[in-house]
Amino acid sequence: MKPTLPNILTWLRIVLIPVLGLLFLLPTPWANAAAAVVFALASVTDWLDGYLARRWNQTSPFGAFLDPVADKLIVAVALIIVVVETPGALTAIPAAVIIGREIAVSALREWMAELGQRSSVAVGMTGKIKTAAQMIAIVLLLYRNELWGIPAWPVGLVLLYAAAGLTLYSMVLYLRGAIRTLDGLSQG
């Protein structure tokens, strides 16, 4: 397989996962800021690899597989870091909702793909808005300090709850689409 810039960016996101974890563990005052920067970089590569793959016509089955895996892994690790940094229901509930939904929707997409119906659970605009809110929330929650006079942690927490709400809503949309498709297949 010939390496492409979109696939290299996806691999970069995977390489950044242990970097993010290690930065979190460093006993230095700049560890949170560095972890936030690493996650922000990963978030940008998430958008950029998809954009470039479509723009340059470099989409591939391998990239279609690896990109969502990389996204889900780094988001899960970042959310676990947030919960470890601030343990309690306030952070654990939205983190569990987001991680649980990602697992459920991934399994649903895999199942629908096996049935040749992957398009019935394609990413929609709600999913894109959820992803943006989630990425910004995680950056702010990792950073924790004030950012340009804005209290990053409380704003990040509000955005995390918004992302969790959108996560549940988009999961319902995916499930409804899959049920309609399955009903059509069973009747046909």
N, C-alpha and C. Protein backbone atom coordinates (compact mmCIF):
# COMPACT_ATOMS: atom_id res chain seq x y z
N MET A 1 0.84 -1.18 0.00
CA MET A 1 0.00 0.00 0.00
C MET A 1 0.88 1.25 0.00
N LYS A 2 0.60 2.13 -0.91
CA LYS A 2 1.37 3.37 -1.03
C LYS A 2 0.95 4.36 0.07
N PRO A 3 1.91 4.88 0.83
CA PRO A 3 1.54 5.84 1.87
C PRO A 3 1.02 7.15 1.26
N THR A 4 -0.04 7.66 1.85
CA THR A 4 -0.58 8.95 1.42
C THR A 4 -0.56 9.88 2.62
N LEU A 5 -0.58 11.17 2.38
CA LEU A 5 -0.58 12.13 3.48
C LEU A 5 -1.78 11.93 4.40
N PRO A 6 -3.00 11.69 3.88
CA PRO A 6 -4.11 11.43 4.80
C PRO A 6 -3.86 10.24 5.72
N ASN A 7 -3.31 9.14 5.18
CA ASN A 7 -3.03 7.98 6.03
C ASN A 7 -1.89 8.26 7.01
N ILE A 8 -0.91 9.03 6.59
CA ILE A 8 0.19 9.40 7.50
C ILE A 8 -0.36 10.23 8.66
N LEU A 9 -1.29 11.14 8.37
CA LEU A 9 -1.91 11.94 9.43
C LEU A 9 -2.70 11.07 10.40
N THR A 10 -3.36 10.05 9.87
CA THR A 10 -4.09 9.13 10.74
C THR A 10 -3.12 8.37 11.63
N TRP A 11 -2.01 7.88 11.06
CA TRP A 11 -0.99 7.20 11.85
C TRP A 11 -0.40 8.14 12.91
N LEU A 12 -0.23 9.41 12.55
CA LEU A 12 0.27 10.39 13.52
C LEU A 12 -0.66 10.47 14.72
N ARG A 13 -1.95 10.45 14.46
CA ARG A 13 -2.93 10.51 15.54
C ARG A 13 -2.77 9.29 16.47
N ILE A 14 -2.50 8.14 15.89
CA ILE A 14 -2.30 6.93 16.70
C ILE A 14 -1.01 7.05 17.53
N VAL A 15 0.04 7.59 16.93
CA VAL A 15 1.30 7.78 17.64
C VAL A 15 1.12 8.79 18.79
N LEU A 16 0.23 9.75 18.63
CA LEU A 16 0.02 10.76 19.66
C LEU A 16 -0.72 10.22 20.88
N ILE A 17 -1.35 9.05 20.77
CA ILE A 17 -2.10 8.49 21.91
C ILE A 17 -1.18 8.24 23.11
N PRO A 18 -0.08 7.49 22.97
CA PRO A 18 0.78 7.32 24.15
C PRO A 18 1.46 8.62 24.57
N VAL A 19 1.72 9.51 23.62
CA VAL A 19 2.31 10.81 23.97
C VAL A 19 1.35 11.57 24.89
N LEU A 20 0.08 11.56 24.54
CA LEU A 20 -0.94 12.21 25.37
C LEU A 20 -0.95 11.61 26.77
N GLY A 21 -0.95 10.28 26.85
CA GLY A 21 -0.95 9.61 28.15
C GLY A 21 0.29 9.93 28.96
N LEU A 22 1.46 9.93 28.33
CA LEU A 22 2.71 10.23 29.04
C LEU A 22 2.74 11.67 29.53
N LEU A 23 2.26 12.58 28.70
CA LEU A 23 2.24 13.99 29.12
C LEU A 23 1.36 14.17 30.35
N PHE A 24 0.24 13.48 30.38
CA PHE A 24 -0.65 13.57 31.53
C PHE A 24 0.05 13.12 32.81
N LEU A 25 0.91 12.13 32.70
CA LEU A 25 1.57 11.57 33.88
C LEU A 25 2.76 12.40 34.37
N LEU A 26 3.24 13.33 33.56
CA LEU A 26 4.41 14.12 33.96
C LEU A 26 4.07 15.02 35.15
N PRO A 27 4.92 15.02 36.17
CA PRO A 27 4.67 15.87 37.33
C PRO A 27 5.22 17.29 37.13
N THR A 28 4.78 17.94 36.09
CA THR A 28 5.25 19.30 35.80
C THR A 28 4.05 20.23 35.66
N PRO A 29 4.26 21.52 35.88
CA PRO A 29 3.15 22.46 35.78
C PRO A 29 2.64 22.65 34.34
N TRP A 30 3.44 22.28 33.36
CA TRP A 30 3.03 22.48 31.97
C TRP A 30 2.43 21.23 31.33
N ALA A 31 2.28 20.15 32.11
CA ALA A 31 1.79 18.89 31.55
C ALA A 31 0.38 19.03 30.98
N ASN A 32 -0.51 19.71 31.68
CA ASN A 32 -1.88 19.86 31.17
C ASN A 32 -1.91 20.65 29.87
N ALA A 33 -1.15 21.73 29.81
CA ALA A 33 -1.11 22.55 28.59
C ALA A 33 -0.55 21.72 27.43
N ALA A 34 0.49 20.95 27.69
CA ALA A 34 1.08 20.13 26.64
C ALA A 34 0.10 19.05 26.18
N ALA A 35 -0.62 18.43 27.11
CA ALA A 35 -1.61 17.42 26.74
C ALA A 35 -2.72 18.05 25.91
N ALA A 36 -3.14 19.25 26.27
CA ALA A 36 -4.18 19.95 25.51
C ALA A 36 -3.70 20.25 24.09
N VAL A 37 -2.45 20.66 23.95
CA VAL A 37 -1.89 20.95 22.63
C VAL A 37 -1.82 19.68 21.79
N VAL A 38 -1.39 18.58 22.39
CA VAL A 38 -1.31 17.31 21.66
C VAL A 38 -2.70 16.88 21.20
N PHE A 39 -3.68 16.99 22.09
CA PHE A 39 -5.04 16.60 21.69
C PHE A 39 -5.58 17.54 20.62
N ALA A 40 -5.29 18.84 20.73
CA ALA A 40 -5.73 19.79 19.70
C ALA A 40 -5.10 19.44 18.35
N LEU A 41 -3.82 19.10 18.35
CA LEU A 41 -3.14 18.68 17.12
C LEU A 41 -3.80 17.44 16.54
N ALA A 42 -4.10 16.47 17.39
CA ALA A 42 -4.77 15.26 16.93
C ALA A 42 -6.14 15.60 16.33
N SER A 43 -6.85 16.53 16.95
CA SER A 43 -8.17 16.93 16.45
C SER A 43 -8.07 17.57 15.07
N VAL A 44 -7.05 18.38 14.88
CA VAL A 44 -6.85 19.02 13.57
C VAL A 44 -6.51 17.96 12.53
N THR A 45 -5.68 16.98 12.89
CA THR A 45 -5.34 15.93 11.91
C THR A 45 -6.56 15.10 11.57
N ASP A 46 -7.49 14.97 12.53
CA ASP A 46 -8.73 14.22 12.26
C ASP A 46 -9.51 14.90 11.13
N TRP A 47 -9.65 16.21 11.22
CA TRP A 47 -10.36 16.94 10.16
C TRP A 47 -9.54 16.93 8.87
N LEU A 48 -8.23 17.21 8.99
CA LEU A 48 -7.39 17.40 7.82
C LEU A 48 -7.24 16.12 6.99
N ASP A 49 -7.09 14.97 7.64
CA ASP A 49 -6.88 13.75 6.85
C ASP A 49 -8.11 13.43 6.01
N GLY A 50 -9.29 13.61 6.56
CA GLY A 50 -10.51 13.35 5.78
C GLY A 50 -10.67 14.35 4.65
N TYR A 51 -10.40 15.61 4.95
CA TYR A 51 -10.50 16.66 3.93
C TYR A 51 -9.55 16.37 2.76
N LEU A 52 -8.30 16.09 3.10
CA LEU A 52 -7.30 15.85 2.05
C LEU A 52 -7.60 14.57 1.26
N ALA A 53 -8.03 13.53 1.96
CA ALA A 53 -8.35 12.27 1.26
C ALA A 53 -9.45 12.49 0.23
N ARG A 54 -10.47 13.25 0.59
CA ARG A 54 -11.56 13.52 -0.37
C ARG A 54 -11.10 14.48 -1.47
N ARG A 55 -10.41 15.52 -1.08
CA ARG A 55 -9.98 16.54 -2.04
C ARG A 55 -8.99 15.98 -3.07
N TRP A 56 -8.06 15.15 -2.60
CA TRP A 56 -7.04 14.60 -3.48
C TRP A 56 -7.42 13.22 -4.02
N ASN A 57 -8.64 12.80 -3.75
CA ASN A 57 -9.12 11.49 -4.19
C ASN A 57 -8.19 10.37 -3.73
N GLN A 58 -7.82 10.43 -2.45
CA GLN A 58 -6.92 9.44 -1.87
C GLN A 58 -7.62 8.62 -0.78
N THR A 59 -8.92 8.47 -0.91
CA THR A 59 -9.63 7.62 0.05
C THR A 59 -9.26 6.17 -0.24
N SER A 60 -9.27 5.37 0.82
CA SER A 60 -8.94 3.96 0.66
C SER A 60 -9.71 3.16 1.71
N PRO A 61 -9.92 1.88 1.45
CA PRO A 61 -10.59 1.05 2.46
C PRO A 61 -9.81 1.02 3.78
N PHE A 62 -8.47 0.98 3.67
CA PHE A 62 -7.65 0.98 4.89
C PHE A 62 -7.82 2.28 5.66
N GLY A 63 -7.80 3.39 4.97
CA GLY A 63 -8.00 4.69 5.61
C GLY A 63 -9.39 4.80 6.23
N ALA A 64 -10.39 4.27 5.53
CA ALA A 64 -11.77 4.29 6.04
C ALA A 64 -11.89 3.46 7.31
N PHE A 65 -11.07 2.42 7.43
CA PHE A 65 -11.04 1.61 8.65
C PHE A 65 -10.25 2.30 9.75
N LEU A 66 -9.03 2.76 9.44
CA LEU A 66 -8.10 3.25 10.45
C LEU A 66 -8.52 4.60 11.03
N ASP A 67 -9.07 5.48 10.23
CA ASP A 67 -9.41 6.82 10.71
C ASP A 67 -10.37 6.79 11.89
N PRO A 68 -11.52 6.11 11.81
CA PRO A 68 -12.40 6.12 12.97
C PRO A 68 -11.81 5.39 14.18
N VAL A 69 -10.97 4.39 13.94
CA VAL A 69 -10.32 3.70 15.06
C VAL A 69 -9.40 4.68 15.79
N ALA A 70 -8.60 5.42 15.04
CA ALA A 70 -7.69 6.40 15.64
C ALA A 70 -8.48 7.45 16.42
N ASP A 71 -9.57 7.93 15.83
CA ASP A 71 -10.39 8.95 16.50
C ASP A 71 -10.93 8.43 17.82
N LYS A 72 -11.51 7.25 17.79
CA LYS A 72 -12.15 6.70 18.99
C LYS A 72 -11.11 6.41 20.08
N LEU A 73 -9.94 5.92 19.69
CA LEU A 73 -8.91 5.62 20.68
C LEU A 73 -8.42 6.88 21.38
N ILE A 74 -8.11 7.92 20.62
CA ILE A 74 -7.56 9.11 21.27
C ILE A 74 -8.61 9.84 22.10
N VAL A 75 -9.87 9.81 21.64
CA VAL A 75 -10.95 10.42 22.43
C VAL A 75 -11.16 9.64 23.72
N ALA A 76 -11.16 8.32 23.63
CA ALA A 76 -11.35 7.50 24.84
C ALA A 76 -10.23 7.74 25.84
N VAL A 77 -8.98 7.75 25.38
CA VAL A 77 -7.85 7.99 26.28
C VAL A 77 -7.97 9.38 26.90
N ALA A 78 -8.30 10.38 26.11
CA ALA A 78 -8.42 11.75 26.63
C ALA A 78 -9.55 11.84 27.67
N LEU A 79 -10.68 11.19 27.40
CA LEU A 79 -11.79 11.22 28.36
C LEU A 79 -11.42 10.49 29.65
N ILE A 80 -10.70 9.41 29.54
CA ILE A 80 -10.24 8.72 30.74
C ILE A 80 -9.31 9.62 31.54
N ILE A 81 -8.43 10.34 30.87
CA ILE A 81 -7.54 11.29 31.54
C ILE A 81 -8.36 12.35 32.27
N VAL A 82 -9.38 12.88 31.61
CA VAL A 82 -10.23 13.90 32.24
C VAL A 82 -10.88 13.34 33.50
N VAL A 83 -11.39 12.10 33.43
CA VAL A 83 -12.05 11.50 34.59
C VAL A 83 -11.03 11.22 35.70
N VAL A 84 -9.84 10.77 35.35
CA VAL A 84 -8.81 10.52 36.36
C VAL A 84 -8.39 11.84 37.01
N GLU A 85 -8.29 12.89 36.22
CA GLU A 85 -7.88 14.21 36.72
C GLU A 85 -8.94 14.80 37.64
N THR A 86 -10.21 14.56 37.33
CA THR A 86 -11.33 15.08 38.13
C THR A 86 -12.34 13.96 38.32
N PRO A 87 -12.05 13.03 39.24
CA PRO A 87 -12.94 11.89 39.40
C PRO A 87 -14.30 12.30 39.98
N GLY A 88 -15.31 11.58 39.58
CA GLY A 88 -16.65 11.82 40.08
C GLY A 88 -17.66 11.72 38.96
N ALA A 89 -18.92 11.72 39.36
CA ALA A 89 -20.01 11.57 38.40
C ALA A 89 -20.06 12.71 37.39
N LEU A 90 -19.64 13.89 37.80
CA LEU A 90 -19.71 15.06 36.92
C LEU A 90 -18.94 14.84 35.61
N THR A 91 -17.81 14.19 35.69
CA THR A 91 -17.03 13.92 34.47
C THR A 91 -17.25 12.49 33.96
N ALA A 92 -17.49 11.56 34.87
CA ALA A 92 -17.61 10.15 34.47
C ALA A 92 -18.85 9.89 33.63
N ILE A 93 -19.96 10.54 33.94
CA ILE A 93 -21.21 10.26 33.21
C ILE A 93 -21.10 10.65 31.73
N PRO A 94 -20.73 11.91 31.41
CA PRO A 94 -20.63 12.21 29.97
C PRO A 94 -19.53 11.40 29.27
N ALA A 95 -18.44 11.12 29.98
CA ALA A 95 -17.36 10.31 29.38
C ALA A 95 -17.88 8.91 29.06
N ALA A 96 -18.62 8.31 29.99
CA ALA A 96 -19.16 6.96 29.75
C ALA A 96 -20.17 6.97 28.62
N VAL A 97 -20.99 8.01 28.55
CA VAL A 97 -21.98 8.12 27.46
C VAL A 97 -21.26 8.19 26.12
N ILE A 98 -20.25 9.04 26.03
CA ILE A 98 -19.54 9.22 24.76
C ILE A 98 -18.79 7.95 24.37
N ILE A 99 -18.05 7.35 25.29
CA ILE A 99 -17.29 6.14 24.97
C ILE A 99 -18.24 4.99 24.65
N GLY A 100 -19.29 4.84 25.44
CA GLY A 100 -20.26 3.77 25.19
C GLY A 100 -20.93 3.91 23.85
N ARG A 101 -21.31 5.11 23.49
CA ARG A 101 -21.95 5.35 22.18
C ARG A 101 -20.99 5.03 21.05
N GLU A 102 -19.73 5.41 21.20
CA GLU A 102 -18.75 5.15 20.14
C GLU A 102 -18.61 3.65 19.90
N ILE A 103 -18.60 2.88 20.97
CA ILE A 103 -18.49 1.43 20.83
C ILE A 103 -19.75 0.87 20.16
N ALA A 104 -20.92 1.33 20.63
CA ALA A 104 -22.19 0.83 20.09
C ALA A 104 -22.35 1.19 18.61
N VAL A 105 -22.05 2.42 18.25
CA VAL A 105 -22.21 2.85 16.86
C VAL A 105 -21.17 2.16 15.97
N SER A 106 -19.97 1.95 16.48
CA SER A 106 -18.97 1.22 15.69
C SER A 106 -19.44 -0.19 15.40
N ALA A 107 -19.99 -0.84 16.41
CA ALA A 107 -20.51 -2.19 16.21
C ALA A 107 -21.68 -2.18 15.22
N LEU A 108 -22.55 -1.19 15.33
CA LEU A 108 -23.68 -1.06 14.41
C LEU A 108 -23.20 -0.85 12.98
N ARG A 109 -22.21 0.02 12.81
CA ARG A 109 -21.67 0.27 11.46
C ARG A 109 -21.05 -1.00 10.88
N GLU A 110 -20.32 -1.73 11.71
CA GLU A 110 -19.70 -2.98 11.26
C GLU A 110 -20.77 -3.97 10.82
N TRP A 111 -21.80 -4.11 11.62
CA TRP A 111 -22.88 -5.04 11.30
C TRP A 111 -23.59 -4.62 10.02
N MET A 112 -23.89 -3.32 9.89
CA MET A 112 -24.57 -2.85 8.68
C MET A 112 -23.68 -3.01 7.45
N ALA A 113 -22.36 -2.84 7.64
CA ALA A 113 -21.43 -3.04 6.52
C ALA A 113 -21.45 -4.50 6.07
N GLU A 114 -21.53 -5.42 7.03
CA GLU A 114 -21.60 -6.85 6.68
C GLU A 114 -22.87 -7.16 5.88
N LEU A 115 -23.93 -6.39 6.13
CA LEU A 115 -25.17 -6.56 5.39
C LEU A 115 -25.19 -5.77 4.09
N GLY A 116 -24.08 -5.06 3.81
CA GLY A 116 -24.01 -4.23 2.60
C GLY A 116 -24.83 -2.96 2.71
N GLN A 117 -25.06 -2.50 3.94
CA GLN A 117 -25.93 -1.34 4.16
C GLN A 117 -25.23 -0.25 4.98
N ARG A 118 -23.93 -0.12 4.83
CA ARG A 118 -23.17 0.86 5.63
C ARG A 118 -23.70 2.27 5.46
N SER A 119 -24.21 2.62 4.29
CA SER A 119 -24.67 3.98 4.05
C SER A 119 -25.86 4.36 4.92
N SER A 120 -26.57 3.36 5.46
CA SER A 120 -27.72 3.68 6.33
C SER A 120 -27.28 4.21 7.68
N VAL A 121 -25.99 4.08 8.02
CA VAL A 121 -25.46 4.62 9.27
C VAL A 121 -24.26 5.53 8.99
N ALA A 122 -24.33 6.27 7.90
CA ALA A 122 -23.26 7.20 7.54
C ALA A 122 -23.28 8.39 8.49
N VAL A 123 -22.12 9.02 8.65
CA VAL A 123 -21.99 10.18 9.53
C VAL A 123 -22.81 11.33 8.96
N GLY A 124 -23.62 11.94 9.81
CA GLY A 124 -24.44 13.07 9.41
C GLY A 124 -23.95 14.36 10.04
N MET A 125 -24.67 15.43 9.82
CA MET A 125 -24.27 16.74 10.35
C MET A 125 -24.28 16.75 11.87
N THR A 126 -25.25 16.06 12.50
CA THR A 126 -25.28 16.01 13.96
C THR A 126 -23.99 15.40 14.50
N GLY A 127 -23.51 14.36 13.86
CA GLY A 127 -22.27 13.73 14.27
C GLY A 127 -21.08 14.66 14.13
N LYS A 128 -21.08 15.47 13.10
CA LYS A 128 -19.97 16.41 12.89
C LYS A 128 -19.99 17.51 13.95
N ILE A 129 -21.19 18.01 14.28
CA ILE A 129 -21.30 19.03 15.33
C ILE A 129 -20.90 18.44 16.68
N LYS A 130 -21.34 17.21 16.93
CA LYS A 130 -20.97 16.51 18.17
C LYS A 130 -19.46 16.38 18.27
N THR A 131 -18.83 16.01 17.19
CA THR A 131 -17.38 15.84 17.19
C THR A 131 -16.68 17.16 17.49
N ALA A 132 -17.13 18.23 16.87
CA ALA A 132 -16.51 19.55 17.12
C ALA A 132 -16.66 19.95 18.58
N ALA A 133 -17.87 19.81 19.13
CA ALA A 133 -18.10 20.16 20.54
C ALA A 133 -17.24 19.29 21.46
N GLN A 134 -17.17 18.02 21.14
CA GLN A 134 -16.40 17.07 21.94
C GLN A 134 -14.91 17.40 21.92
N MET A 135 -14.38 17.71 20.75
CA MET A 135 -12.95 18.01 20.63
C MET A 135 -12.60 19.29 21.38
N ILE A 136 -13.41 20.32 21.21
CA ILE A 136 -13.14 21.58 21.93
C ILE A 136 -13.27 21.36 23.43
N ALA A 137 -14.30 20.62 23.84
CA ALA A 137 -14.49 20.33 25.27
C ALA A 137 -13.27 19.64 25.85
N ILE A 138 -12.79 18.63 25.17
CA ILE A 138 -11.66 17.86 25.70
C ILE A 138 -10.40 18.72 25.78
N VAL A 139 -10.15 19.55 24.78
CA VAL A 139 -9.00 20.45 24.83
C VAL A 139 -9.09 21.34 26.07
N LEU A 140 -10.27 21.93 26.29
CA LEU A 140 -10.45 22.83 27.44
C LEU A 140 -10.34 22.07 28.76
N LEU A 141 -10.89 20.86 28.82
CA LEU A 141 -10.82 20.08 30.06
C LEU A 141 -9.40 19.60 30.36
N LEU A 142 -8.64 19.30 29.33
CA LEU A 142 -7.24 18.93 29.54
C LEU A 142 -6.42 20.14 29.98
N TYR A 143 -6.70 21.28 29.39
CA TYR A 143 -5.93 22.50 29.71
C TYR A 143 -6.20 22.96 31.14
N ARG A 144 -7.48 22.99 31.52
CA ARG A 144 -7.94 23.27 32.88
C ARG A 144 -7.80 24.71 33.35
N ASN A 145 -6.86 25.47 32.87
CA ASN A 145 -6.63 26.83 33.35
C ASN A 145 -7.44 27.85 32.55
N GLU A 146 -7.33 29.11 32.95
CA GLU A 146 -7.98 30.16 32.15
C GLU A 146 -7.28 30.28 30.81
N LEU A 147 -8.08 30.57 29.80
CA LEU A 147 -7.56 30.73 28.45
C LEU A 147 -8.14 32.02 27.89
N TRP A 148 -7.31 33.02 27.73
CA TRP A 148 -7.74 34.35 27.26
C TRP A 148 -8.87 34.90 28.13
N GLY A 149 -8.74 34.70 29.44
CA GLY A 149 -9.74 35.19 30.38
C GLY A 149 -10.98 34.32 30.49
N ILE A 150 -11.02 33.22 29.77
CA ILE A 150 -12.18 32.32 29.80
C ILE A 150 -11.83 31.15 30.72
N PRO A 151 -12.70 30.82 31.67
CA PRO A 151 -12.42 29.66 32.53
C PRO A 151 -12.58 28.36 31.74
N ALA A 152 -11.48 27.78 31.34
CA ALA A 152 -11.49 26.64 30.41
C ALA A 152 -12.26 25.44 30.95
N TRP A 153 -12.03 25.08 32.21
CA TRP A 153 -12.64 23.85 32.71
C TRP A 153 -14.17 23.92 32.74
N PRO A 154 -14.79 24.95 33.31
CA PRO A 154 -16.26 24.98 33.31
C PRO A 154 -16.86 25.05 31.90
N VAL A 155 -16.23 25.81 31.02
CA VAL A 155 -16.72 25.88 29.64
C VAL A 155 -16.56 24.52 28.97
N GLY A 156 -15.43 23.88 29.20
CA GLY A 156 -15.21 22.54 28.65
C GLY A 156 -16.23 21.54 29.16
N LEU A 157 -16.58 21.64 30.44
CA LEU A 157 -17.57 20.71 31.01
C LEU A 157 -18.94 20.92 30.37
N VAL A 158 -19.34 22.17 30.18
CA VAL A 158 -20.62 22.45 29.52
C VAL A 158 -20.61 21.88 28.10
N LEU A 159 -19.52 22.09 27.38
CA LEU A 159 -19.41 21.55 26.02
C LEU A 159 -19.39 20.02 26.03
N LEU A 160 -18.79 19.42 27.05
CA LEU A 160 -18.77 17.96 27.13
C LEU A 160 -20.19 17.42 27.32
N TYR A 161 -20.98 18.09 28.15
CA TYR A 161 -22.37 17.67 28.32
C TYR A 161 -23.17 17.89 27.03
N ALA A 162 -22.89 18.98 26.33
CA ALA A 162 -23.56 19.20 25.04
C ALA A 162 -23.17 18.09 24.06
N ALA A 163 -21.89 17.74 24.04
CA ALA A 163 -21.43 16.66 23.16
C ALA A 163 -22.08 15.34 23.55
N ALA A 164 -22.22 15.09 24.85
CA ALA A 164 -22.86 13.84 25.30
C ALA A 164 -24.33 13.81 24.85
N GLY A 165 -25.01 14.95 24.96
CA GLY A 165 -26.40 15.02 24.50
C GLY A 165 -26.50 14.77 23.00
N LEU A 166 -25.62 15.42 22.23
CA LEU A 166 -25.60 15.21 20.78
C LEU A 166 -25.20 13.77 20.44
N THR A 167 -24.36 13.20 21.28
CA THR A 167 -23.94 11.81 21.10
C THR A 167 -25.15 10.88 21.18
N LEU A 168 -25.96 11.08 22.21
CA LEU A 168 -27.16 10.24 22.36
C LEU A 168 -28.15 10.48 21.22
N TYR A 169 -28.32 11.74 20.85
CA TYR A 169 -29.25 12.07 19.76
C TYR A 169 -28.78 11.45 18.45
N SER A 170 -27.50 11.57 18.14
CA SER A 170 -27.00 11.00 16.88
C SER A 170 -27.08 9.48 16.90
N MET A 171 -26.89 8.86 18.08
CA MET A 171 -27.03 7.41 18.17
C MET A 171 -28.46 6.99 17.86
N VAL A 172 -29.42 7.74 18.36
CA VAL A 172 -30.83 7.44 18.06
C VAL A 172 -31.07 7.54 16.55
N LEU A 173 -30.49 8.57 15.91
CA LEU A 173 -30.64 8.71 14.46
C LEU A 173 -30.04 7.51 13.73
N TYR A 174 -28.85 7.08 14.15
CA TYR A 174 -28.21 5.92 13.52
C TYR A 174 -29.05 4.67 13.72
N LEU A 175 -29.55 4.48 14.93
CA LEU A 175 -30.37 3.29 15.21
C LEU A 175 -31.66 3.30 14.39
N ARG A 176 -32.30 4.46 14.28
CA ARG A 176 -33.52 4.55 13.47
C ARG A 176 -33.23 4.22 12.02
N GLY A 177 -32.13 4.76 11.48
CA GLY A 177 -31.76 4.46 10.10
C GLY A 177 -31.49 2.98 9.89
N ALA A 178 -30.81 2.37 10.86
CA ALA A 178 -30.51 0.94 10.76
C ALA A 178 -31.78 0.11 10.85
N ILE A 179 -32.68 0.49 11.75
CA ILE A 179 -33.95 -0.26 11.90
C ILE A 179 -34.78 -0.17 10.62
N ARG A 180 -34.84 1.02 10.03
CA ARG A 180 -35.58 1.17 8.76
C ARG A 180 -34.97 0.29 7.68
N THR A 181 -33.66 0.27 7.62
CA THR A 181 -32.97 -0.54 6.62
C THR A 181 -33.25 -2.03 6.87
N LEU A 182 -33.13 -2.44 8.12
CA LEU A 182 -33.37 -3.85 8.45
C LEU A 182 -34.82 -4.25 8.19
N ASP A 183 -35.75 -3.35 8.49
CA ASP A 183 -37.17 -3.63 8.19
C ASP A 183 -37.35 -3.81 6.69
N GLY A 184 -36.71 -2.94 5.91
CA GLY A 184 -36.80 -3.05 4.43
C GLY A 184 -36.20 -4.34 3.92
N LEU A 185 -35.09 -4.77 4.52
CA LEU A 185 -34.45 -6.02 4.10
C LEU A 185 -35.31 -7.22 4.47
N SER A 186 -35.95 -7.18 5.63
CA SER A 186 -36.76 -8.33 6.04
C SER A 186 -38.06 -8.43 5.23
N GLN A 187 -38.54 -7.31 4.71
CA GLN A 187 -39.76 -7.31 3.91
C GLN A 187 -39.47 -7.60 2.45
N GLY A 188 -38.23 -7.39 2.04
CA GLY A 188 -37.86 -7.56 0.63
C GLY A 188 -37.37 -8.89 0.35
